[in-house]
Protein backbone atom coordinates (compact mmCIF):
# COMPACT_ATOMS: atom_id res chain seq x y z
CA UNK A 1 -71.09 -30.78 -76.15
CA UNK A 2 -70.76 -30.25 -79.90
CA UNK A 3 -74.56 -30.16 -80.25
CA UNK A 4 -74.88 -27.61 -77.43
CA UNK A 5 -72.19 -25.43 -79.02
CA UNK A 6 -73.86 -25.69 -82.44
CA UNK A 7 -77.25 -24.80 -80.93
CA UNK A 8 -75.68 -21.79 -79.20
CA UNK A 9 -74.13 -20.61 -82.47
CA UNK A 10 -77.45 -21.05 -84.33
CA UNK A 11 -79.33 -19.12 -81.63
CA UNK A 12 -76.75 -16.33 -81.66
CA UNK A 13 -76.94 -16.07 -85.44
CA UNK A 14 -80.75 -16.04 -85.40
CA UNK A 15 -80.87 -13.27 -82.80
CA UNK A 16 -78.61 -10.89 -84.77
CA UNK A 17 -79.77 -7.32 -85.10
CA UNK A 18 -81.25 -6.30 -88.44
CA UNK A 19 -79.10 -3.15 -88.45
CA UNK A 20 -75.81 -4.86 -87.69
CA UNK A 21 -73.56 -6.97 -89.84
CA UNK A 22 -72.03 -9.66 -87.76
CA UNK A 23 -69.94 -12.80 -87.96
CA UNK A 24 -69.25 -15.52 -85.42
CA UNK A 25 -66.43 -17.97 -84.91
CA UNK A 26 -65.38 -20.44 -82.23
CA UNK A 27 -61.84 -20.19 -80.83
CA UNK A 28 -60.24 -23.32 -79.43
CA UNK A 29 -57.16 -23.78 -77.35
CA UNK A 30 -56.47 -27.42 -78.26
CA UNK A 31 -57.14 -29.26 -81.47
CA UNK A 32 -60.89 -29.23 -82.06
CA UNK A 33 -62.84 -29.01 -85.32
CA UNK A 34 -63.75 -25.30 -85.75
CA UNK A 35 -67.12 -23.81 -86.55
CA UNK A 36 -67.43 -20.54 -88.44
CA UNK A 37 -70.58 -18.62 -89.29
CA UNK A 38 -69.89 -15.65 -91.55
CA UNK A 39 -72.47 -13.20 -92.78
CA UNK A 40 -73.19 -11.67 -96.16
CA UNK A 41 -71.62 -8.38 -95.04
CA UNK A 42 -68.55 -9.26 -92.94
CA UNK A 43 -66.00 -12.05 -92.59
CA UNK A 44 -63.56 -12.97 -89.78
CA UNK A 45 -59.95 -13.53 -90.92
CA UNK A 46 -56.48 -13.90 -89.53
CA UNK A 47 -53.91 -11.08 -89.65
CA UNK A 48 -53.65 -9.40 -93.04
CA UNK A 49 -56.95 -10.93 -94.18
CA UNK A 50 -55.49 -14.45 -94.17
CA UNK A 51 -57.86 -17.36 -94.81
CA UNK A 52 -58.00 -19.92 -93.45
CA UNK A 53 -57.04 -18.38 -90.14
CA UNK A 54 -55.78 -20.06 -86.96
CA UNK A 55 -58.73 -20.86 -84.72
CA UNK A 56 -56.74 -22.94 -82.28
CA UNK A 57 -53.56 -22.51 -80.28
CA UNK A 58 -51.67 -24.35 -77.57
CA UNK A 59 -52.08 -24.15 -73.83
CA UNK A 60 -49.04 -23.77 -71.58
CA UNK A 61 -49.59 -26.04 -68.56
CA UNK A 62 -46.67 -25.99 -66.10
CA UNK A 63 -47.96 -28.18 -63.25
CA UNK A 64 -50.78 -30.52 -62.13
CA UNK A 65 -53.02 -27.85 -60.52
CA UNK A 66 -55.05 -26.95 -63.62
CA UNK A 67 -53.44 -23.52 -63.97
CA UNK A 68 -52.50 -22.54 -67.53
CA UNK A 69 -51.80 -19.75 -69.99
CA UNK A 70 -52.08 -19.89 -73.77
CA UNK A 71 -50.55 -18.99 -77.06
CA UNK A 72 -52.23 -16.16 -78.97
CA UNK A 73 -54.92 -16.23 -81.64
CA UNK A 74 -55.08 -13.07 -83.75
CA UNK A 75 -58.19 -12.15 -85.75
CA UNK A 76 -59.59 -9.34 -87.88
CA UNK A 77 -63.08 -8.44 -89.05
CA UNK A 78 -63.33 -7.40 -92.70
CA UNK A 79 -66.15 -6.19 -94.88
CA UNK A 80 -67.05 -8.80 -97.45
CA UNK A 81 -65.70 -7.81 -100.89
CA UNK A 82 -68.22 -6.76 -103.53
CA UNK A 83 -68.33 -8.32 -107.00
CA UNK A 84 -67.04 -5.04 -108.56
CA UNK A 85 -63.84 -5.25 -106.49
CA UNK A 86 -64.77 -2.75 -103.78
CA UNK A 87 -64.78 -3.89 -100.18
CA UNK A 88 -65.87 -1.12 -97.86
CA UNK A 89 -69.22 -2.64 -96.92
CA UNK A 90 -72.74 -2.23 -98.15
CA UNK A 91 -72.70 -4.16 -101.41
CA UNK A 92 -75.90 -3.52 -103.36
CA UNK A 93 -78.16 -6.08 -105.02
CA UNK A 94 -76.69 -4.99 -108.38
CA UNK A 95 -73.19 -5.46 -106.94
CA UNK A 96 -73.48 -8.52 -104.71
CA UNK A 97 -70.99 -9.58 -102.06
CA UNK A 98 -68.46 -12.24 -102.99
CA UNK A 99 -69.63 -15.52 -101.39
CA UNK A 100 -67.44 -18.15 -99.77
CA UNK A 101 -64.63 -18.33 -97.27
CA UNK A 102 -61.58 -17.56 -99.39
CA UNK A 103 -59.30 -14.58 -99.99
CA UNK A 104 -61.53 -13.27 -102.83
CA UNK A 105 -64.31 -12.63 -100.28
CA UNK A 106 -62.12 -10.43 -98.04
CA UNK A 107 -62.66 -6.67 -98.35
CA UNK A 108 -61.43 -3.74 -96.26
CA UNK A 109 -60.49 -4.27 -92.61
CA UNK A 110 -62.85 -2.87 -89.96
CA UNK A 111 -60.77 -1.04 -87.35
CA UNK A 112 -63.59 -0.41 -84.86
CA UNK A 113 -65.28 -3.81 -84.79
CA UNK A 114 -67.15 -4.97 -81.70
CA UNK A 115 -65.99 -8.31 -80.22
CA UNK A 116 -68.14 -10.31 -77.78
CA UNK A 117 -67.48 -13.58 -75.95
CA UNK A 118 -70.84 -15.32 -75.83
CA UNK A 119 -69.76 -18.65 -74.35
CA UNK A 120 -66.77 -20.05 -72.47
CA UNK A 121 -66.19 -23.68 -71.59
CA UNK A 122 -63.17 -25.28 -69.89
CA UNK A 123 -62.85 -29.07 -70.15
CA UNK A 124 -60.40 -31.08 -68.04
CA UNK A 125 -61.49 -34.69 -68.52
CA UNK A 126 -64.19 -35.43 -65.94
CA UNK A 127 -62.92 -32.80 -63.46
CA UNK A 128 -65.52 -30.29 -62.24
CA UNK A 129 -64.28 -26.98 -63.67
CA UNK A 130 -67.12 -24.77 -62.40
CA UNK A 131 -64.93 -23.29 -59.62
CA UNK A 132 -61.91 -22.42 -61.72
CA UNK A 133 -61.53 -18.93 -63.12
CA UNK A 134 -60.76 -19.34 -66.81
CA UNK A 135 -60.59 -15.98 -68.55
CA UNK A 136 -60.38 -15.01 -72.19
CA UNK A 137 -58.39 -11.86 -72.84
CA UNK A 138 -58.80 -9.47 -75.77
CA UNK A 139 -55.53 -7.60 -76.35
CA UNK A 140 -54.50 -8.46 -72.78
CA UNK A 141 -57.72 -7.30 -71.05
CA UNK A 142 -60.14 -9.88 -69.59
CA UNK A 143 -63.44 -10.17 -71.43
CA UNK A 144 -66.79 -10.44 -69.67
CA UNK A 145 -69.27 -12.85 -71.21
CA UNK A 146 -71.96 -11.11 -73.32
CA UNK A 147 -70.27 -7.69 -72.99
CA UNK A 148 -69.11 -6.24 -76.35
CA UNK A 149 -65.65 -4.69 -76.55
CA UNK A 150 -65.01 -2.21 -79.36
CA UNK A 151 -61.46 -2.65 -80.62
CA UNK A 152 -59.65 0.41 -81.91
CA UNK A 153 -57.18 -1.62 -83.93
CA UNK A 154 -57.92 -3.82 -86.90
CA UNK A 155 -56.08 -6.88 -85.58
CA UNK A 156 -57.07 -8.18 -82.14
CA UNK A 157 -55.36 -10.90 -80.13
CA UNK A 158 -57.07 -13.43 -77.88
CA UNK A 159 -55.46 -15.46 -75.10
CA UNK A 160 -56.87 -17.56 -72.28
CA UNK A 161 -55.64 -18.36 -68.79
CA UNK A 162 -56.58 -19.89 -65.48
CA UNK A 163 -54.78 -19.06 -62.23
CA UNK A 164 -57.20 -20.90 -59.91
CA UNK A 165 -56.13 -24.46 -59.01
CA UNK A 166 -58.65 -27.28 -59.40
CA UNK A 167 -59.91 -29.08 -56.30
CA UNK A 168 -58.00 -32.20 -57.32
CA UNK A 169 -54.49 -32.98 -58.52
CA UNK A 170 -54.56 -33.66 -62.25
CA UNK A 171 -53.07 -36.84 -63.68
CA UNK A 172 -49.94 -36.59 -65.79
CA UNK A 173 -50.97 -36.32 -69.45
CA UNK A 174 -54.45 -34.96 -68.69
CA UNK A 175 -55.82 -32.85 -71.57
CA UNK A 176 -57.11 -29.35 -70.87
CA UNK A 177 -59.29 -27.60 -73.44
CA UNK A 178 -60.83 -24.13 -73.54
CA UNK A 179 -63.58 -23.26 -76.02
CA UNK A 180 -64.78 -19.68 -76.45
CA UNK A 181 -67.51 -18.57 -78.84
CA UNK A 182 -66.51 -15.15 -80.16
CA UNK A 183 -68.82 -12.87 -82.12
CA UNK A 184 -67.66 -9.83 -84.05
CA UNK A 185 -69.90 -7.19 -85.56
CA UNK A 186 -70.03 -3.74 -87.08
CA UNK A 187 -73.15 -1.61 -87.39
CA UNK A 188 -73.59 -0.65 -91.04
């Protein structure tokens, strides 16, 4: 599964538009090693430009049907800071963008970033999850896979939920994981 997710991220990164700056991250509801692909122009952060940011949160599972809700994950898209201290996007070759994934690389917040869910995977042990209706919500509204949502606020909040019971009763202690590949971009 990790290889399929990595291949998906590589393919998404390779298919980026030439005219758009874009960054990709993977959100996890459960403890899973994260994968982040930033660009030279933008960087995904937590609230207030915080790095590292929370890419995982807990699921709230109240019974053995496979229904759940989640804690929130809040993210922001920022322009990458330029070497001269500016951070409003469009660093020039004479004034290169600050590399890396630390606070020095974080420039101005982008309030009208586009957010897209490009993949969603629910894992409940060996249970077939194809019939359950896991959703990922952006600021409380369900996202549709591959459909960009332009946020009008700098900080966006993601949650996930499933209200459809599985076809089988889950064993006590069964782990449930939700993985969503989220892409954020801003045309520059």
